[in-house]
């Protein structure tokens, strides 16, 4: 049956005029049409694409970035976050019995993973974020 209740061409009609259950191929076609309709309306956003685009517009307002370049940048950020998280987890296991990941675990991971000047900016921004979070938490 189609969505309006009428039998489709792939369904068989019995002697009483009732349409039988749709076949696998018609169910497959319905699924494809639904996913096609949703995919045209909802484009998948990359996890960091909005933040990356906002930062890029702050630093270079007249320059754009392509979808492919944004995908590469997103992959880079996700990879770095994964490296930092795995290094912080490794540091947590080395240090002992603690089960809570603290700010100094991430600070140490940042110092170990990131190179040169990027390391200093990472540590400074992380410290600034922690202070901002703690001051906001105390106000509530």
Protein backbone atom coordinates (compact mmCIF):
# COMPACT_ATOMS: atom_id res chain seq x y z
CA UNK A 1 0.00 0.00 0.00
CA UNK A 2 1.08 3.54 -0.60
CA UNK A 3 0.82 6.26 2.02
CA UNK A 4 -2.63 7.31 0.83
CA UNK A 5 -4.04 3.79 1.41
CA UNK A 6 -4.14 2.75 -2.24
CA UNK A 7 -2.42 -0.46 -3.32
CA UNK A 8 0.83 0.01 -5.18
CA UNK A 9 1.76 -1.84 -8.35
CA UNK A 10 4.06 -4.23 -6.44
CA UNK A 11 1.32 -5.49 -4.11
CA UNK A 12 -1.02 -8.28 -4.96
CA UNK A 13 -4.76 -7.91 -4.42
CA UNK A 14 -6.65 -11.00 -3.24
CA UNK A 15 -10.11 -12.08 -4.38
CA UNK A 16 -11.84 -9.87 -1.79
CA UNK A 17 -10.08 -6.73 -3.03
CA UNK A 18 -7.71 -6.39 -0.07
CA UNK A 19 -4.05 -5.60 -0.61
CA UNK A 20 -1.56 -8.03 0.86
CA UNK A 21 1.45 -7.05 2.94
CA UNK A 22 4.10 -5.13 1.04
CA UNK A 23 6.97 -7.14 -0.31
CA UNK A 24 10.55 -6.67 0.78
CA UNK A 25 11.36 -4.62 -2.30
CA UNK A 26 8.49 -2.20 -1.67
CA UNK A 27 9.53 -1.83 1.98
CA UNK A 28 13.04 -1.14 0.75
CA UNK A 29 11.72 1.54 -1.62
CA UNK A 30 9.73 3.16 1.19
CA UNK A 31 12.81 3.18 3.44
CA UNK A 32 14.93 4.67 0.67
CA UNK A 33 12.38 7.41 -0.02
CA UNK A 34 12.18 8.28 3.68
CA UNK A 35 15.93 8.43 4.11
CA UNK A 36 16.30 10.44 0.92
CA UNK A 37 13.68 12.94 2.09
CA UNK A 38 15.40 13.31 5.48
CA UNK A 39 18.90 13.50 4.06
CA UNK A 40 18.03 16.42 1.80
CA UNK A 41 16.65 18.40 4.73
CA UNK A 42 19.10 17.49 7.49
CA UNK A 43 22.72 17.83 6.50
CA UNK A 44 25.09 16.18 8.96
CA UNK A 45 27.13 18.76 10.85
CA UNK A 46 30.65 17.98 11.89
CA UNK A 47 31.18 18.22 15.66
CA UNK A 48 33.56 21.19 15.61
CA UNK A 49 32.57 22.83 12.31
CA UNK A 50 30.52 25.65 13.85
CA UNK A 51 33.22 26.61 16.35
CA UNK A 52 35.94 26.36 13.70
CA UNK A 53 33.96 28.56 11.30
CA UNK A 54 33.27 31.16 14.00
CA UNK A 55 36.96 31.30 14.96
CA UNK A 56 37.96 31.54 11.30
CA UNK A 57 35.53 34.45 10.77
CA UNK A 58 37.02 36.23 13.80
CA UNK A 59 40.60 35.91 12.59
CA UNK A 60 40.08 36.23 8.79
CA UNK A 61 36.62 37.73 8.13
CA UNK A 62 37.04 38.05 4.35
CA UNK A 63 38.18 34.49 3.69
CA UNK A 64 35.93 31.43 3.41
CA UNK A 65 36.62 27.72 3.80
CA UNK A 66 35.36 24.83 1.69
CA UNK A 67 33.45 21.82 3.04
CA UNK A 68 36.37 19.54 2.25
CA UNK A 69 38.81 21.80 4.14
CA UNK A 70 36.38 22.02 7.05
CA UNK A 71 36.21 18.23 7.13
CA UNK A 72 40.01 18.02 7.26
CA UNK A 73 40.15 20.59 10.07
CA UNK A 74 37.42 18.73 11.95
CA UNK A 75 39.33 15.45 11.61
CA UNK A 76 42.45 17.17 12.92
CA UNK A 77 40.65 18.54 15.98
CA UNK A 78 38.98 15.20 16.72
CA UNK A 79 42.34 13.42 16.39
CA UNK A 80 44.05 15.88 18.75
CA UNK A 81 41.24 15.57 21.28
CA UNK A 82 41.56 11.79 21.11
CA UNK A 83 45.33 11.98 21.64
CA UNK A 84 44.90 14.34 24.60
CA UNK A 85 42.21 12.17 26.19
CA UNK A 86 44.22 8.96 25.78
CA UNK A 87 47.35 10.59 27.20
CA UNK A 88 45.37 11.98 30.16
CA UNK A 89 43.86 8.53 30.76
CA UNK A 90 47.33 6.99 30.64
CA UNK A 91 48.56 9.58 33.15
CA UNK A 92 45.58 8.79 35.38
CA UNK A 93 46.46 5.08 35.43
CA UNK A 94 50.15 5.73 36.09
CA UNK A 95 49.57 8.06 39.04
CA UNK A 96 47.67 5.57 41.14
CA UNK A 97 44.26 4.76 42.51
CA UNK A 98 42.38 7.86 41.36
CA UNK A 99 39.38 7.34 39.13
CA UNK A 100 38.59 10.97 38.40
CA UNK A 101 40.25 12.83 35.55
CA UNK A 102 41.38 16.19 36.93
CA UNK A 103 42.55 19.38 35.26
CA UNK A 104 46.23 18.65 35.91
CA UNK A 105 45.91 15.31 34.06
CA UNK A 106 44.78 17.24 30.98
CA UNK A 107 47.44 19.89 31.61
CA UNK A 108 50.14 17.20 31.63
CA UNK A 109 48.67 15.57 28.53
CA UNK A 110 48.68 18.93 26.74
CA UNK A 111 52.34 19.45 27.61
CA UNK A 112 53.24 15.99 26.33
CA UNK A 113 51.20 15.94 23.10
CA UNK A 114 51.33 19.47 21.68
CA UNK A 115 54.53 20.95 20.25
CA UNK A 116 56.21 24.31 21.02
CA UNK A 117 54.14 27.46 21.10
CA UNK A 118 50.90 25.52 20.63
CA UNK A 119 51.65 23.80 23.94
CA UNK A 120 51.89 27.13 25.78
CA UNK A 121 48.65 28.43 24.23
CA UNK A 122 46.88 25.15 25.08
CA UNK A 123 47.96 25.25 28.70
CA UNK A 124 47.05 28.95 29.05
CA UNK A 125 43.61 28.53 27.44
CA UNK A 126 42.88 25.44 29.55
CA UNK A 127 43.85 27.24 32.76
CA UNK A 128 41.74 30.24 31.78
CA UNK A 129 38.73 27.97 31.06
CA UNK A 130 39.07 26.23 34.44
CA UNK A 131 39.23 29.55 36.30
CA UNK A 132 36.21 30.85 34.40
CA UNK A 133 34.26 27.66 35.15
CA UNK A 134 35.15 27.75 38.86
CA UNK A 135 34.25 31.43 39.21
CA UNK A 136 30.90 30.87 37.46
CA UNK A 137 30.21 27.84 39.65
CA UNK A 138 30.84 29.83 42.85
CA UNK A 139 28.37 32.58 41.77
CA UNK A 140 25.46 30.11 41.63
